Amino acid sequence: MFRLTIALCLIQLTLFAPANLSANQIGRSEQPRRPYGIPEASLPCTPEEQSWWTELRAASEDVRYRRKPGEKQVKKFLDVLRNGVEKSLAPPVADARAVILWKTEPQYTEAARKREISGSVTLQIELLANGSVGKMEVIQGLPEGLNDASAEAARKTIFLPAIKNRQFVNSYVRLVMNFNIY
């Protein structure tokens, strides 16, 4: 009976949905999904800004698509980002949140492993406009050094800073680090 009710609801939704939506899109936001990674330039910009942004996007792809980016890839991304900031180049995109390109998983401490502690650590971290991680606050923590392990992992986060009025700005984001013993 329950399955029949669900099936009838889906049929009604399909029948009364706007014609341009497929059955798979019902209930989803009508806005297009934002692509992952750094977006393409979408605002008018100088040739120097366009070149810088293209180089920044390429460097970010080197970071994003590696299982563990090496120092060379991370350094190149941060150098390109900071070079643009130093030259006062404006990001040629509309206002956007920070884009996390890569984050490392925290290491279990030996004390936590012995006590078989599992759970999540939630951190609120400040993502600075220069591409580095600033202040950090533990919102929900775990004992035995897991908060410190999470903070250490969060400091290694690689990201494109948030953009407001074509300038990089500081922003805050919450990261959840999971610890599970199998």
C-alpha atoms as a PDB file:
ATOM      1  CA  MET A   1       0.000   0.000   0.000  1.00  0.00           C
ATOM      2  CA  PHE A   2       2.823   2.381   0.951  1.00  0.00           C
ATOM      3  CA  ARG A   3       4.664   1.712  -2.336  1.00  0.00           C
ATOM      4  CA  LEU A   4       1.479   2.344  -4.279  1.00  0.00           C
ATOM      5  CA  THR A   5       1.024   5.735  -2.547  1.00  0.00           C
ATOM      6  CA  ILE A   6       4.584   6.775  -3.391  1.00  0.00           C
ATOM      7  CA  ALA A   7       4.125   5.663  -6.999  1.00  0.00           C
ATOM      8  CA  LEU A   8       0.890   7.678  -7.295  1.00  0.00           C
ATOM      9  CA  CYS A   9       2.606  10.770  -5.838  1.00  0.00           C
ATOM     10  CA  LEU A  10       5.430  10.458  -8.352  1.00  0.00           C
ATOM     11  CA  ILE A  11       2.939  10.095 -11.197  1.00  0.00           C
ATOM     12  CA  GLN A  12       1.101  13.216 -10.026  1.00  0.00           C
ATOM     13  CA  LEU A  13       4.361  15.160  -9.745  1.00  0.00           C
ATOM     14  CA  THR A  14       5.337  14.055 -13.227  1.00  0.00           C
ATOM     15  CA  LEU A  15       1.973  15.000 -14.701  1.00  0.00           C
ATOM     16  CA  PHE A  16       1.859  18.430 -13.093  1.00  0.00           C
ATOM     17  CA  ALA A  17       5.548  19.333 -13.427  1.00  0.00           C
ATOM     18  CA  PRO A  18       6.497  22.047 -15.904  1.00  0.00           C
ATOM     19  CA  ALA A  19       7.066  20.638 -19.368  1.00  0.00           C
ATOM     20  CA  ASN A  20      10.739  21.632 -19.478  1.00  0.00           C
ATOM     21  CA  LEU A  21      11.620  19.508 -16.412  1.00  0.00           C
ATOM     22  CA  SER A  22      12.279  15.799 -16.637  1.00  0.00           C
ATOM     23  CA  ALA A  23      11.092  13.383 -13.954  1.00  0.00           C
ATOM     24  CA  ASN A  24      14.666  13.305 -12.572  1.00  0.00           C
ATOM     25  CA  GLN A  25      14.701  17.084 -12.065  1.00  0.00           C
ATOM     26  CA  ILE A  26      11.501  17.335 -10.031  1.00  0.00           C
ATOM     27  CA  GLY A  27      12.221  18.781  -6.620  1.00  0.00           C
ATOM     28  CA  ARG A  28      15.643  20.117  -7.629  1.00  0.00           C
ATOM     29  CA  SER A  29      16.526  23.759  -7.816  1.00  0.00           C
ATOM     30  CA  GLU A  30      15.889  25.261 -11.236  1.00  0.00           C
ATOM     31  CA  GLN A  31      19.253  27.028 -11.156  1.00  0.00           C
ATOM     32  CA  PRO A  32      22.004  25.283 -13.065  1.00  0.00           C
ATOM     33  CA  ARG A  33      24.526  23.499 -10.907  1.00  0.00           C
ATOM     34  CA  ARG A  34      27.768  25.444 -10.517  1.00  0.00           C
ATOM     35  CA  PRO A  35      30.724  23.528 -11.904  1.00  0.00           C
ATOM     36  CA  TYR A  36      33.401  22.362  -9.503  1.00  0.00           C
ATOM     37  CA  GLY A  37      36.742  24.091  -9.514  1.00  0.00           C
ATOM     38  CA  ILE A  38      37.610  27.586 -10.599  1.00  0.00           C
ATOM     39  CA  PRO A  39      35.122  29.027 -13.091  1.00  0.00           C
ATOM     40  CA  GLU A  40      36.092  30.455 -16.456  1.00  0.00           C
ATOM     41  CA  ALA A  41      36.399  34.213 -16.815  1.00  0.00           C
ATOM     42  CA  SER A  42      32.904  35.644 -17.210  1.00  0.00           C
ATOM     43  CA  LEU A  43      33.420  39.378 -16.756  1.00  0.00           C
ATOM     44  CA  PRO A  44      35.232  41.867 -18.994  1.00  0.00           C
ATOM     45  CA  CYS A  45      38.922  42.015 -18.141  1.00  0.00           C
ATOM     46  CA  THR A  46      42.289  43.104 -19.448  1.00  0.00           C
ATOM     47  CA  PRO A  47      44.409  40.696 -21.491  1.00  0.00           C
ATOM     48  CA  GLU A  48      46.826  40.471 -18.539  1.00  0.00           C
ATOM     49  CA  GLU A  49      43.969  39.498 -16.181  1.00  0.00           C
ATOM     50  CA  GLN A  50      42.689  36.944 -18.704  1.00  0.00           C
ATOM     51  CA  SER A  51      46.151  35.398 -19.035  1.00  0.00           C
ATOM     52  CA  TRP A  52      46.634  35.308 -15.256  1.00  0.00           C
ATOM     53  CA  TRP A  53      43.203  33.753 -14.689  1.00  0.00           C
ATOM     54  CA  THR A  54      43.835  31.080 -17.339  1.00  0.00           C
ATOM     55  CA  GLU A  55      47.172  30.234 -15.711  1.00  0.00           C
ATOM     56  CA  LEU A  56      45.521  30.141 -12.267  1.00  0.00           C
ATOM     57  CA  ARG A  57      42.812  27.768 -13.525  1.00  0.00           C
ATOM     58  CA  ALA A  58      45.428  25.455 -15.070  1.00  0.00           C
ATOM     59  CA  ALA A  59      47.459  25.424 -11.845  1.00  0.00           C
ATOM     60  CA  SER A  60      44.298  24.656  -9.846  1.00  0.00           C
ATOM     61  CA  GLU A  61      43.501  21.679 -12.095  1.00  0.00           C
ATOM     62  CA  ASP A  62      46.987  20.295 -11.382  1.00  0.00           C
ATOM     63  CA  VAL A  63      46.136  20.449  -7.673  1.00  0.00           C
ATOM     64  CA  ARG A  64      42.545  19.152  -7.892  1.00  0.00           C
ATOM     65  CA  TYR A  65      43.113  16.072 -10.019  1.00  0.00           C
ATOM     66  CA  ARG A  66      46.009  14.573  -8.128  1.00  0.00           C
ATOM     67  CA  ARG A  67      45.464  12.096  -5.354  1.00  0.00           C
ATOM     68  CA  LYS A  68      48.015  14.038  -3.343  1.00  0.00           C
ATOM     69  CA  PRO A  69      49.409  17.144  -4.996  1.00  0.00           C
ATOM     70  CA  GLY A  70      53.143  17.574  -4.620  1.00  0.00           C
ATOM     71  CA  GLU A  71      54.947  20.619  -3.328  1.00  0.00           C
ATOM     72  CA  LYS A  72      55.635  21.688  -6.905  1.00  0.00           C
ATOM     73  CA  GLN A  73      51.926  21.860  -7.861  1.00  0.00           C
ATOM     74  CA  VAL A  74      50.911  23.591  -4.616  1.00  0.00           C
ATOM     75  CA  LYS A  75      53.741  26.119  -4.874  1.00  0.00           C
ATOM     76  CA  LYS A  76      52.863  26.929  -8.485  1.00  0.00           C
ATOM     77  CA  PHE A  77      49.182  27.513  -7.638  1.00  0.00           C
ATOM     78  CA  LEU A  78      50.008  29.741  -4.649  1.00  0.00           C
ATOM     79  CA  ASP A  79      52.679  31.634  -6.617  1.00  0.00           C
ATOM     80  CA  VAL A  80      50.251  32.370  -9.482  1.00  0.00           C
ATOM     81  CA  LEU A  81      47.535  33.424  -7.003  1.00  0.00           C
ATOM     82  CA  ARG A  82      49.842  35.710  -5.013  1.00  0.00           C
ATOM     83  CA  ASN A  83      51.435  37.123  -8.177  1.00  0.00           C
ATOM     84  CA  GLY A  84      48.005  38.277  -9.341  1.00  0.00           C
ATOM     85  CA  VAL A  85      47.216  39.797  -5.949  1.00  0.00           C
ATOM     86  CA  GLU A  86      50.562  41.636  -5.860  1.00  0.00           C
ATOM     87  CA  LYS A  87      49.914  43.061  -9.339  1.00  0.00           C
ATOM     88  CA  SER A  88      46.362  44.068  -8.275  1.00  0.00           C
ATOM     89  CA  LEU A  89      44.779  41.917 -10.982  1.00  0.00           C
ATOM     90  CA  ALA A  90      41.038  41.539 -10.514  1.00  0.00           C
ATOM     91  CA  PRO A  91      39.436  38.090 -10.747  1.00  0.00           C
ATOM     92  CA  PRO A  92      37.254  38.174 -13.895  1.00  0.00           C
ATOM     93  CA  VAL A  93      34.295  36.390 -12.270  1.00  0.00           C
ATOM     94  CA  ALA A  94      31.215  37.402 -10.301  1.00  0.00           C
ATOM     95  CA  ASP A  95      31.050  37.165  -6.504  1.00  0.00           C
ATOM     96  CA  ALA A  96      31.736  33.596  -5.394  1.00  0.00           C
ATOM     97  CA  ARG A  97      32.438  31.488  -2.330  1.00  0.00           C
ATOM     98  CA  ALA A  98      35.862  30.065  -1.678  1.00  0.00           C
ATOM     99  CA  VAL A  99      36.630  26.971  -3.759  1.00  0.00           C
ATOM    100  CA  ILE A 100      38.313  24.136  -1.853  1.00  0.00           C
ATOM    101  CA  LEU A 101      40.679  22.470  -4.301  1.00  0.00           C
ATOM    102  CA  TRP A 102      42.240  19.903  -1.985  1.00  0.00           C
ATOM    103  CA  LYS A 103      42.219  18.940   1.673  1.00  0.00           C
ATOM    104  CA  THR A 104      44.105  16.251   3.485  1.00  0.00           C
ATOM    105  CA  GLU A 105      42.638  13.697   5.847  1.00  0.00           C
ATOM    106  CA  PRO A 106      43.691  13.982   9.510  1.00  0.00           C
ATOM    107  CA  GLN A 107      45.877  11.323  11.113  1.00  0.00           C
ATOM    108  CA  TYR A 108      44.559   9.204  13.969  1.00  0.00           C
ATOM    109  CA  THR A 109      46.560   9.625  17.152  1.00  0.00           C
ATOM    110  CA  GLU A 110      47.852   6.482  18.830  1.00  0.00           C
ATOM    111  CA  ALA A 111      45.978   7.345  22.058  1.00  0.00           C
ATOM    112  CA  ALA A 112      42.664   7.701  20.175  1.00  0.00           C
ATOM    113  CA  ARG A 113      43.287   4.427  18.320  1.00  0.00           C
ATOM    114  CA  LYS A 114      43.920   2.570  21.609  1.00  0.00           C
ATOM    115  CA  ARG A 115      40.707   3.946  23.103  1.00  0.00           C
ATOM    116  CA  GLU A 116      38.840   3.235  19.829  1.00  0.00           C
ATOM    117  CA  ILE A 117      37.469   6.771  19.622  1.00  0.00           C
ATOM    118  CA  SER A 118      35.430   7.556  16.529  1.00  0.00           C
ATOM    119  CA  GLY A 119      33.289  10.493  15.519  1.00  0.00           C
ATOM    120  CA  SER A 120      33.653  13.884  13.865  1.00  0.00           C
ATOM    121  CA  VAL A 121      35.558  17.060  14.555  1.00  0.00           C
ATOM    122  CA  THR A 122      33.929  20.197  13.159  1.00  0.00           C
ATOM    123  CA  LEU A 123      36.189  23.178  12.612  1.00  0.00           C
ATOM    124  CA  GLN A 124      35.371  26.694  11.547  1.00  0.00           C
ATOM    125  CA  ILE A 125      38.364  28.002   9.647  1.00  0.00           C
ATOM    126  CA  GLU A 126      39.168  31.383   8.202  1.00  0.00           C
ATOM    127  CA  LEU A 127      40.252  31.287   4.570  1.00  0.00           C
ATOM    128  CA  LEU A 128      42.399  34.351   3.993  1.00  0.00           C
ATOM    129  CA  ALA A 129      42.397  36.387   0.797  1.00  0.00           C
ATOM    130  CA  ASN A 130      46.079  35.528   0.219  1.00  0.00           C
ATOM    131  CA  GLY A 131      45.369  31.778  -0.034  1.00  0.00           C
ATOM    132  CA  SER A 132      46.425  30.757   3.460  1.00  0.00           C
ATOM    133  CA  VAL A 133      44.427  29.473   6.426  1.00  0.00           C
ATOM    134  CA  GLY A 134      43.913  31.938   9.280  1.00  0.00           C
ATOM    135  CA  LYS A 135      42.099  31.526  12.595  1.00  0.00           C
ATOM    136  CA  MET A 136      40.565  28.217  13.475  1.00  0.00           C
ATOM    137  CA  GLU A 137      37.913  27.280  16.032  1.00  0.00           C
ATOM    138  CA  VAL A 138      36.782  23.820  17.127  1.00  0.00           C
ATOM    139  CA  ILE A 139      32.966  23.754  16.987  1.00  0.00           C
ATOM    140  CA  GLN A 140      32.614  20.078  17.924  1.00  0.00           C
ATOM    141  CA  GLY A 141      35.624  18.099  19.053  1.00  0.00           C
ATOM    142  CA  LEU A 142      36.974  14.743  20.138  1.00  0.00           C
ATOM    143  CA  PRO A 143      39.518  13.855  22.858  1.00  0.00           C
ATOM    144  CA  GLU A 144      42.988  12.323  22.655  1.00  0.00           C
ATOM    145  CA  GLY A 145      44.579  14.827  20.290  1.00  0.00           C
ATOM    146  CA  LEU A 146      42.089  14.420  17.438  1.00  0.00           C
ATOM    147  CA  ASN A 147      41.221  18.142  17.513  1.00  0.00           C
ATOM    148  CA  ASP A 148      44.892  19.011  17.007  1.00  0.00           C
ATOM    149  CA  ALA A 149      45.228  16.411  14.238  1.00  0.00           C
ATOM    150  CA  SER A 150      42.189  17.942  12.504  1.00  0.00           C
ATOM    151  CA  ALA A 151      43.581  21.466  12.843  1.00  0.00           C
ATOM    152  CA  GLU A 152      46.920  20.327  11.400  1.00  0.00           C
ATOM    153  CA  ALA A 153      45.149  18.751   8.414  1.00  0.00           C
ATOM    154  CA  ALA A 154      42.960  21.853   7.915  1.00  0.00           C
ATOM    155  CA  ARG A 155      46.065  24.088   7.757  1.00  0.00           C
ATOM    156  CA  LYS A 156      47.110  22.173   4.605  1.00  0.00           C
ATOM    157  CA  THR A 157      43.862  23.029   2.761  1.00  0.00           C
ATOM    158  CA  ILE A 158      44.415  24.460  -0.718  1.00  0.00           C
ATOM    159  CA  PHE A 159      41.718  26.820  -1.986  1.00  0.00           C
ATOM    160  CA  LEU A 160      40.835  29.775  -4.143  1.00  0.00           C
ATOM    161  CA  PRO A 161      39.715  32.598  -1.805  1.00  0.00           C
ATOM    162  CA  ALA A 162      36.187  33.976  -1.899  1.00  0.00           C
ATOM    163  CA  ILE A 163      35.547  36.797  -4.374  1.00  0.00           C
ATOM    164  CA  LYS A 164      33.493  39.934  -3.730  1.00  0.00           C
ATOM    165  CA  ASN A 165      33.405  42.935  -6.060  1.00  0.00           C
ATOM    166  CA  ARG A 166      36.228  41.401  -8.139  1.00  0.00           C
ATOM    167  CA  GLN A 167      38.546  41.233  -5.113  1.00  0.00           C
ATOM    168  CA  PHE A 168      39.681  38.263  -3.035  1.00  0.00           C
ATOM    169  CA  VAL A 169      38.273  38.488   0.492  1.00  0.00           C
ATOM    170  CA  ASN A 170      38.572  36.542   3.735  1.00  0.00           C
ATOM    171  CA  SER A 171      35.784  34.065   4.431  1.00  0.00           C
ATOM    172  CA  TYR A 172      34.860  31.330   6.883  1.00  0.00           C
ATOM    173  CA  VAL A 173      34.017  27.738   6.152  1.00  0.00           C
ATOM    174  CA  ARG A 174      33.197  24.738   8.297  1.00  0.00           C
ATOM    175  CA  LEU A 175      35.172  21.577   7.729  1.00  0.00           C
ATOM    176  CA  VAL A 176      34.138  18.229   9.160  1.00  0.00           C
ATOM    177  CA  MET A 177      36.892  15.692   9.777  1.00  0.00           C
ATOM    178  CA  ASN A 178      35.668  12.128  10.337  1.00  0.00           C
ATOM    179  CA  PHE A 179      37.423   9.496  12.430  1.00  0.00           C
ATOM    180  CA  ASN A 180      36.158   5.938  12.070  1.00  0.00           C
ATOM    181  CA  ILE A 181      37.570   2.673  13.359  1.00  0.00           C
ATOM    182  CA  TYR A 182      36.641  -0.313  11.225  1.00  0.00           C
END
